[in-house]
Amino acid sequence: MTVSTDDLPAQDRDAAIRDYYGKIAMRFELEPVGGDPLAIHGSTIFLPDIRITKGRVGAMASDRSSRMRGDGNSDILLSVCK
């Protein structure tokens, strides 16, 4: 599966990324950093019990709020930045 904010209308990008990537896929609250809009470009491979994604994102801050932590999810996210 490939996802890119470039494929979305400019006025819908932030909301779509916050709703899907932030609340469904990764379950984080996302905020852009540095005045740039949220930007995500990546491809994901889904395997049993693991997802592997390669891509790039714009500068953003993420937070897993107490409301989100209440879902009982204990997934581990490993992110390598270069």
PDB file of N, CA and C in Angstrom:
ATOM      1  N   MET A   1       0.846  -1.168   0.000  1.00  0.00           N
ATOM      2  CA  MET A   1       0.000   0.000   0.000  1.00  0.00           C
ATOM      3  C   MET A   1       0.895   1.236   0.000  1.00  0.00           C
ATOM      4  N   THR A   2       0.589   2.195  -0.860  1.00  0.00           N
ATOM      5  CA  THR A   2       1.347   3.433  -0.929  1.00  0.00           C
ATOM      6  C   THR A   2       0.427   4.601  -0.588  1.00  0.00           C
ATOM      7  N   VAL A   3       0.947   5.517   0.237  1.00  0.00           N
ATOM      8  CA  VAL A   3       0.193   6.695   0.663  1.00  0.00           C
ATOM      9  C   VAL A   3       1.050   7.925   0.416  1.00  0.00           C
ATOM     10  N   SER A   4       0.448   8.954  -0.162  1.00  0.00           N
ATOM     11  CA  SER A   4       1.153  10.212  -0.349  1.00  0.00           C
ATOM     12  C   SER A   4       0.170  11.360  -0.215  1.00  0.00           C
ATOM     13  N   THR A   5       0.547  12.358   0.567  1.00  0.00           N
ATOM     14  CA  THR A   5      -0.302  13.533   0.686  1.00  0.00           C
ATOM     15  C   THR A   5      -0.401  14.264  -0.648  1.00  0.00           C
ATOM     16  N   ASP A   6       0.547  14.048  -1.549  1.00  0.00           N
ATOM     17  CA  ASP A   6       0.488  14.679  -2.870  1.00  0.00           C
ATOM     18  C   ASP A   6      -0.735  14.214  -3.660  1.00  0.00           C
ATOM     19  N   ASP A   7      -1.292  13.062  -3.306  1.00  0.00           N
ATOM     20  CA  ASP A   7      -2.452  12.523  -4.007  1.00  0.00           C
ATOM     21  C   ASP A   7      -3.773  13.105  -3.512  1.00  0.00           C
ATOM     22  N   LEU A   8      -3.717  13.930  -2.474  1.00  0.00           N
ATOM     23  CA  LEU A   8      -4.923  14.504  -1.873  1.00  0.00           C
ATOM     24  C   LEU A   8      -5.053  15.977  -2.234  1.00  0.00           C
ATOM     25  N   PRO A   9      -6.285  16.495  -2.331  1.00  0.00           N
ATOM     26  CA  PRO A   9      -6.449  17.932  -2.537  1.00  0.00           C
ATOM     27  C   PRO A   9      -5.788  18.694  -1.380  1.00  0.00           C
ATOM     28  N   ALA A  10      -5.111  19.787  -1.686  1.00  0.00           N
ATOM     29  CA  ALA A  10      -4.345  20.536  -0.678  1.00  0.00           C
ATOM     30  C   ALA A  10      -5.185  20.887   0.539  1.00  0.00           C
ATOM     31  N   GLN A  11      -6.424  21.279   0.351  1.00  0.00           N
ATOM     32  CA  GLN A  11      -7.256  21.711   1.478  1.00  0.00           C
ATOM     33  C   GLN A  11      -7.674  20.551   2.382  1.00  0.00           C
ATOM     34  N   ASP A  12      -7.525  19.302   1.918  1.00  0.00           N
ATOM     35  CA  ASP A  12      -7.952  18.133   2.693  1.00  0.00           C
ATOM     36  C   ASP A  12      -6.793  17.367   3.330  1.00  0.00           C
ATOM     37  N   ARG A  13      -5.552  17.731   3.036  1.00  0.00           N
ATOM     38  CA  ARG A  13      -4.399  16.925   3.447  1.00  0.00           C
ATOM     39  C   ARG A  13      -4.256  16.787   4.950  1.00  0.00           C
ATOM     40  N   ASP A  14      -4.226  17.891   5.672  1.00  0.00           N
ATOM     41  CA  ASP A  14      -4.023  17.810   7.124  1.00  0.00           C
ATOM     42  C   ASP A  14      -5.102  16.970   7.798  1.00  0.00           C
ATOM     43  N   ALA A  15      -6.356  17.217   7.450  1.00  0.00           N
ATOM     44  CA  ALA A  15      -7.459  16.473   8.073  1.00  0.00           C
ATOM     45  C   ALA A  15      -7.388  14.988   7.744  1.00  0.00           C
ATOM     46  N   ALA A  16      -7.076  14.663   6.491  1.00  0.00           N
ATOM     47  CA  ALA A  16      -7.004  13.254   6.090  1.00  0.00           C
ATOM     48  C   ALA A  16      -5.873  12.536   6.811  1.00  0.00           C
ATOM     49  N   ILE A  17      -4.717  13.167   6.908  1.00  0.00           N
ATOM     50  CA  ILE A  17      -3.583  12.547   7.591  1.00  0.00           C
ATOM     51  C   ILE A  17      -3.873  12.400   9.081  1.00  0.00           C
ATOM     52  N   ARG A  18      -4.435  13.430   9.702  1.00  0.00           N
ATOM     53  CA  ARG A  18      -4.776  13.320  11.131  1.00  0.00           C
ATOM     54  C   ARG A  18      -5.787  12.200  11.368  1.00  0.00           C
ATOM     55  N   ASP A  19      -6.786  12.093  10.516  1.00  0.00           N
ATOM     56  CA  ASP A  19      -7.819  11.074  10.699  1.00  0.00           C
ATOM     57  C   ASP A  19      -7.302   9.677  10.431  1.00  0.00           C
ATOM     58  N   TYR A  20      -6.657   9.466   9.299  1.00  0.00           N
ATOM     59  CA  TYR A  20      -6.221   8.109   8.968  1.00  0.00           C
ATOM     60  C   TYR A  20      -4.922   7.729   9.664  1.00  0.00           C
ATOM     61  N   TYR A  21      -3.862   8.416   9.326  1.00  0.00           N
ATOM     62  CA  TYR A  21      -2.546   8.037   9.842  1.00  0.00           C
ATOM     63  C   TYR A  21      -2.471   8.240  11.347  1.00  0.00           C
ATOM     64  N   GLY A  22      -2.991   9.358  11.810  1.00  0.00           N
ATOM     65  CA  GLY A  22      -2.895   9.666  13.230  1.00  0.00           C
ATOM     66  C   GLY A  22      -3.837   8.869  14.115  1.00  0.00           C
ATOM     67  N   LYS A  23      -5.083   8.725  13.719  1.00  0.00           N
ATOM     68  CA  LYS A  23      -6.072   8.118  14.608  1.00  0.00           C
ATOM     69  C   LYS A  23      -6.387   6.661  14.304  1.00  0.00           C
ATOM     70  N   ILE A  24      -6.121   6.214  13.075  1.00  0.00           N
ATOM     71  CA  ILE A  24      -6.447   4.838  12.716  1.00  0.00           C
ATOM     72  C   ILE A  24      -5.177   3.999  12.583  1.00  0.00           C
ATOM     73  N   ALA A  25      -4.268   4.394  11.719  1.00  0.00           N
ATOM     74  CA  ALA A  25      -3.091   3.566  11.434  1.00  0.00           C
ATOM     75  C   ALA A  25      -2.098   3.544  12.591  1.00  0.00           C
ATOM     76  N   MET A  26      -1.703   4.687  13.097  1.00  0.00           N
ATOM     77  CA  MET A  26      -0.681   4.736  14.148  1.00  0.00           C
ATOM     78  C   MET A  26      -1.246   5.125  15.507  1.00  0.00           C
ATOM     79  N   ARG A  27      -2.420   5.653  15.537  1.00  0.00           N
ATOM     80  CA  ARG A  27      -3.099   6.084  16.763  1.00  0.00           C
ATOM     81  C   ARG A  27      -2.280   7.126  17.542  1.00  0.00           C
ATOM     82  N   PHE A  28      -1.899   8.181  16.857  1.00  0.00           N
ATOM     83  CA  PHE A  28      -1.206   9.336  17.435  1.00  0.00           C
ATOM     84  C   PHE A  28      -1.978  10.594  17.083  1.00  0.00           C
ATOM     85  N   GLU A  29      -1.871  11.599  17.929  1.00  0.00           N
ATOM     86  CA  GLU A  29      -2.277  12.953  17.562  1.00  0.00           C
ATOM     87  C   GLU A  29      -1.072  13.566  16.868  1.00  0.00           C
ATOM     88  N   LEU A  30      -1.258  14.151  15.705  1.00  0.00           N
ATOM     89  CA  LEU A  30      -0.158  14.706  14.927  1.00  0.00           C
ATOM     90  C   LEU A  30      -0.296  16.211  14.788  1.00  0.00           C
ATOM     91  N   GLU A  31       0.823  16.912  14.870  1.00  0.00           N
ATOM     92  CA  GLU A  31       0.862  18.351  14.646  1.00  0.00           C
ATOM     93  C   GLU A  31       2.081  18.679  13.799  1.00  0.00           C
ATOM     94  N   PRO A  32       1.908  19.494  12.758  1.00  0.00           N
ATOM     95  CA  PRO A  32       3.072  19.901  11.971  1.00  0.00           C
ATOM     96  C   PRO A  32       3.988  20.788  12.809  1.00  0.00           C
ATOM     97  N   VAL A  33       5.268  20.767  12.478  1.00  0.00           N
ATOM     98  CA  VAL A  33       6.271  21.568  13.177  1.00  0.00           C
ATOM     99  C   VAL A  33       6.949  22.465  12.146  1.00  0.00           C
ATOM    100  N   GLY A  34       7.235  23.696  12.527  1.00  0.00           N
ATOM    101  CA  GLY A  34       7.982  24.584  11.649  1.00  0.00           C
ATOM    102  C   GLY A  34       7.144  25.306  10.619  1.00  0.00           C
ATOM    103  N   GLY A  35       5.844  25.278  10.757  1.00  0.00           N
ATOM    104  CA  GLY A  35       4.989  26.020   9.847  1.00  0.00           C
ATOM    105  C   GLY A  35       4.642  25.314   8.546  1.00  0.00           C
ATOM    106  N   ASP A  36       5.228  24.164   8.297  1.00  0.00           N
ATOM    107  CA  ASP A  36       4.896  23.411   7.086  1.00  0.00           C
ATOM    108  C   ASP A  36       3.674  22.543   7.341  1.00  0.00           C
ATOM    109  N   PRO A  37       2.897  22.219   6.300  1.00  0.00           N
ATOM    110  CA  PRO A  37       1.754  21.318   6.489  1.00  0.00           C
ATOM    111  C   PRO A  37       2.231  19.886   6.733  1.00  0.00           C
ATOM    112  N   LEU A  38       1.332  19.050   7.228  1.00  0.00           N
ATOM    113  CA  LEU A  38       1.647  17.633   7.376  1.00  0.00           C
ATOM    114  C   LEU A  38       1.917  17.042   6.000  1.00  0.00           C
ATOM    115  N   ALA A  39       2.959  16.246   5.894  1.00  0.00           N
ATOM    116  CA  ALA A  39       3.300  15.609   4.623  1.00  0.00           C
ATOM    117  C   ALA A  39       3.798  14.198   4.889  1.00  0.00           C
ATOM    118  N   ILE A  40       3.226  13.247   4.171  1.00  0.00           N
ATOM    119  CA  ILE A  40       3.610  11.843   4.322  1.00  0.00           C
ATOM    120  C   ILE A  40       3.688  11.219   2.936  1.00  0.00           C
ATOM    121  N   HIS A  41       4.753  10.478   2.705  1.00  0.00           N
ATOM    122  CA  HIS A  41       4.941   9.741   1.463  1.00  0.00           C
ATOM    123  C   HIS A  41       5.554   8.400   1.854  1.00  0.00           C
ATOM    124  N   GLY A  42       4.824   7.312   1.673  1.00  0.00           N
ATOM    125  CA  GLY A  42       5.380   6.033   2.080  1.00  0.00           C
ATOM    126  C   GLY A  42       4.671   4.839   1.489  1.00  0.00           C
ATOM    127  N   SER A  43       5.357   3.720   1.560  1.00  0.00           N
ATOM    128  CA  SER A  43       4.814   2.436   1.130  1.00  0.00           C
ATOM    129  C   SER A  43       4.908   1.466   2.300  1.00  0.00           C
ATOM    130  N   THR A  44       3.843   0.712   2.511  1.00  0.00           N
ATOM    131  CA  THR A  44       3.778  -0.224   3.626  1.00  0.00           C
ATOM    132  C   THR A  44       3.549  -1.634   3.115  1.00  0.00           C
ATOM    133  N   ILE A  45       4.268  -2.565   3.721  1.00  0.00           N
ATOM    134  CA  ILE A  45       4.061  -3.993   3.489  1.00  0.00           C
ATOM    135  C   ILE A  45       3.423  -4.544   4.760  1.00  0.00           C
ATOM    136  N   PHE A  46       2.310  -5.232   4.606  1.00  0.00           N
ATOM    137  CA  PHE A  46       1.605  -5.818   5.740  1.00  0.00           C
ATOM    138  C   PHE A  46       1.929  -7.308   5.810  1.00  0.00           C
ATOM    139  N   LEU A  47       2.544  -7.718   6.906  1.00  0.00           N
ATOM    140  CA  LEU A  47       2.853  -9.113   7.171  1.00  0.00           C
ATOM    141  C   LEU A  47       2.124  -9.525   8.444  1.00  0.00           C
ATOM    142  N   PRO A  48       2.017 -10.818   8.735  1.00  0.00           N
ATOM    143  CA  PRO A  48       1.362 -11.213   9.981  1.00  0.00           C
ATOM    144  C   PRO A  48       2.052 -10.564  11.183  1.00  0.00           C
ATOM    145  N   ASP A  49       1.299  -9.819  11.955  1.00  0.00           N
ATOM    146  CA  ASP A  49       1.758  -9.191  13.198  1.00  0.00           C
ATOM    147  C   ASP A  49       2.817  -8.118  13.031  1.00  0.00           C
ATOM    148  N   ILE A  50       3.073  -7.645  11.811  1.00  0.00           N
ATOM    149  CA  ILE A  50       4.069  -6.588  11.621  1.00  0.00           C
ATOM    150  C   ILE A  50       3.741  -5.797  10.345  1.00  0.00           C
ATOM    151  N   ARG A  51       4.017  -4.503  10.405  1.00  0.00           N
ATOM    152  CA  ARG A  51       3.931  -3.637   9.226  1.00  0.00           C
ATOM    153  C   ARG A  51       5.296  -3.008   9.032  1.00  0.00           C
ATOM    154  N   ILE A  52       5.776  -2.994   7.813  1.00  0.00           N
ATOM    155  CA  ILE A  52       7.063  -2.378   7.502  1.00  0.00           C
ATOM    156  C   ILE A  52       6.789  -1.249   6.512  1.00  0.00           C
ATOM    157  N   THR A  53       7.189  -0.041   6.895  1.00  0.00           N
ATOM    158  CA  THR A  53       6.946   1.125   6.058  1.00  0.00           C
ATOM    159  C   THR A  53       8.259   1.824   5.750  1.00  0.00           C
ATOM    160  N   LYS A  54       8.404   2.206   4.503  1.00  0.00           N
ATOM    161  CA  LYS A  54       9.545   3.016   4.085  1.00  0.00           C
ATOM    162  C   LYS A  54       8.978   4.268   3.446  1.00  0.00           C
ATOM    163  N   GLY A  55       9.510   5.413   3.851  1.00  0.00           N
ATOM    164  CA  GLY A  55       9.013   6.644   3.267  1.00  0.00           C
ATOM    165  C   GLY A  55       9.643   7.852   3.919  1.00  0.00           C
ATOM    166  N   ARG A  56       8.981   8.974   3.737  1.00  0.00           N
ATOM    167  CA  ARG A  56       9.446  10.195   4.363  1.00  0.00           C
ATOM    168  C   ARG A  56       8.245  10.997   4.843  1.00  0.00           C
ATOM    169  N   VAL A  57       8.474  11.758   5.876  1.00  0.00           N
ATOM    170  CA  VAL A  57       7.427  12.604   6.440  1.00  0.00           C
ATOM    171  C   VAL A  57       7.996  13.996   6.668  1.00  0.00           C
ATOM    172  N   GLY A  58       7.111  14.978   6.668  1.00  0.00           N
ATOM    173  CA  GLY A  58       7.509  16.324   7.031  1.00  0.00           C
ATOM    174  C   GLY A  58       7.682  16.396   8.541  1.00  0.00           C
ATOM    175  N   ALA A  59       8.287  17.471   9.006  1.00  0.00           N
ATOM    176  CA  ALA A  59       8.500  17.634  10.446  1.00  0.00           C
ATOM    177  C   ALA A  59       7.155  17.676  11.169  1.00  0.00           C
ATOM    178  N   MET A  60       7.003  16.801  12.143  1.00  0.00           N
ATOM    179  CA  MET A  60       5.758  16.750  12.903  1.00  0.00           C
ATOM    180  C   MET A  60       6.028  16.249  14.311  1.00  0.00           C
ATOM    181  N   ALA A  61       5.157  16.634  15.199  1.00  0.00           N
ATOM    182  CA  ALA A  61       5.198  16.142  16.575  1.00  0.00           C
ATOM    183  C   ALA A  61       4.028  15.181  16.743  1.00  0.00           C
ATOM    184  N   SER A  62       4.254  14.133  17.522  1.00  0.00           N
ATOM    185  CA  SER A  62       3.176  13.171  17.769  1.00  0.00           C
ATOM    186  C   SER A  62       3.021  12.947  19.257  1.00  0.00           C
ATOM    187  N   ASP A  63       1.793  12.629  19.645  1.00  0.00           N
ATOM    188  CA  ASP A  63       1.487  12.372  21.045  1.00  0.00           C
ATOM    189  C   ASP A  63       0.398  11.315  21.107  1.00  0.00           C
ATOM    190  N   ARG A  64       0.554  10.378  21.994  1.00  0.00           N
ATOM    191  CA  ARG A  64      -0.488   9.374  22.228  1.00  0.00           C
ATOM    192  C   ARG A  64      -1.198   9.798  23.502  1.00  0.00           C
ATOM    193  N   SER A  65      -2.312  10.467  23.353  1.00  0.00           N
ATOM    194  CA  SER A  65      -3.045  11.039  24.481  1.00  0.00           C
ATOM    195  C   SER A  65      -3.575   9.943  25.412  1.00  0.00           C
ATOM    196  N   SER A  66      -3.944  10.346  26.620  1.00  0.00           N
ATOM    197  CA  SER A  66      -4.478   9.367  27.578  1.00  0.00           C
ATOM    198  C   SER A  66      -5.744   8.721  27.029  1.00  0.00           C
ATOM    199  N   ARG A  67      -6.542   9.456  26.283  1.00  0.00           N
ATOM    200  CA  ARG A  67      -7.743   8.890  25.664  1.00  0.00           C
ATOM    201  C   ARG A  67      -7.346   7.791  24.678  1.00  0.00           C
ATOM    202  N   MET A  68      -6.303   8.020  23.909  1.00  0.00           N
ATOM    203  CA  MET A  68      -5.839   7.017  22.946  1.00  0.00           C
ATOM    204  C   MET A  68      -5.185   5.831  23.647  1.00  0.00           C
ATOM    205  N   ARG A  69      -4.461   6.072  24.734  1.00  0.00           N
ATOM    206  CA  ARG A  69      -3.824   4.970  25.463  1.00  0.00           C
ATOM    207  C   ARG A  69      -4.851   4.052  26.095  1.00  0.00           C
ATOM    208  N   GLY A  70      -6.059   4.503  26.262  1.00  0.00           N
ATOM    209  CA  GLY A  70      -7.116   3.696  26.846  1.00  0.00           C
ATOM    210  C   GLY A  70      -7.573   2.555  25.966  1.00  0.00           C
ATOM    211  N   ASP A  71      -7.044   2.447  24.728  1.00  0.00           N
ATOM    212  CA  ASP A  71      -7.471   1.377  23.831  1.00  0.00           C
ATOM    213  C   ASP A  71      -6.783   0.049  24.119  1.00  0.00           C
ATOM    214  N   GLY A  72      -5.808   0.052  25.044  1.00  0.00           N
ATOM    215  CA  GLY A  72      -5.127  -1.185  25.408  1.00  0.00           C
ATOM    216  C   GLY A  72      -4.070  -1.629  24.408  1.00  0.00           C
ATOM    217  N   ASN A  73      -3.831  -0.856  23.370  1.00  0.00           N
ATOM    218  CA  ASN A  73      -2.858  -1.217  22.354  1.00  0.00           C
ATOM    219  C   ASN A  73      -1.443  -1.077  22.911  1.00  0.00           C
ATOM    220  N   SER A  74      -0.621  -2.087  22.677  1.00  0.00           N
ATOM    221  CA  SER A  74       0.766  -2.051  23.163  1.00  0.00           C
ATOM    222  C   SER A  74       1.756  -2.256  22.020  1.00  0.00           C
ATOM    223  N   ASP A  75       1.378  -1.808  20.816  1.00  0.00           N
ATOM    224  CA  ASP A  75       2.289  -1.906  19.670  1.00  0.00           C
ATOM    225  C   ASP A  75       3.570  -1.144  19.935  1.00  0.00           C
ATOM    226  N   ILE A  76       4.622  -1.556  19.274  1.00  0.00           N
ATOM    227  CA  ILE A  76       5.921  -0.876  19.355  1.00  0.00           C
ATOM    228  C   ILE A  76       6.204  -0.262  17.994  1.00  0.00           C
ATOM    229  N   LEU A  77       6.617   1.003  18.000  1.00  0.00           N
ATOM    230  CA  LEU A  77       6.989   1.697  16.771  1.00  0.00           C
ATOM    231  C   LEU A  77       8.476   1.959  16.814  1.00  0.00           C
ATOM    232  N   LEU A  78       9.181   1.507  15.795  1.00  0.00           N
ATOM    233  CA  LEU A  78      10.608   1.764  15.660  1.00  0.00           C
ATOM    234  C   LEU A  78      10.770   2.647  14.439  1.00  0.00           C
ATOM    235  N   SER A  79      11.335   3.820  14.634  1.00  0.00           N
ATOM    236  CA  SER A  79      11.505   4.765  13.536  1.00  0.00           C
ATOM    237  C   SER A  79      12.990   5.094  13.412  1.00  0.00           C
ATOM    238  N   VAL A  80      13.504   4.981  12.210  1.00  0.00           N
ATOM    239  CA  VAL A  80      14.910   5.277  11.942  1.00  0.00           C
ATOM    240  C   VAL A  80      14.941   6.511  11.036  1.00  0.00           C
ATOM    241  N   CYS A  81      15.541   7.570  11.516  1.00  0.00           N
ATOM    242  CA  CYS A  81      15.625   8.815  10.745  1.00  0.00           C
ATOM    243  C   CYS A  81      17.031   8.989  10.222  1.00  0.00           C
ATOM    244  N   LYS A  82      17.117   9.452   8.981  1.00  0.00           N
ATOM    245  CA  LYS A  82      18.452   9.737   8.447  1.00  0.00           C
ATOM    246  C   LYS A  82      18.420  10.993   7.633  1.00  0.00           C
TER     247      LYS A  82
END
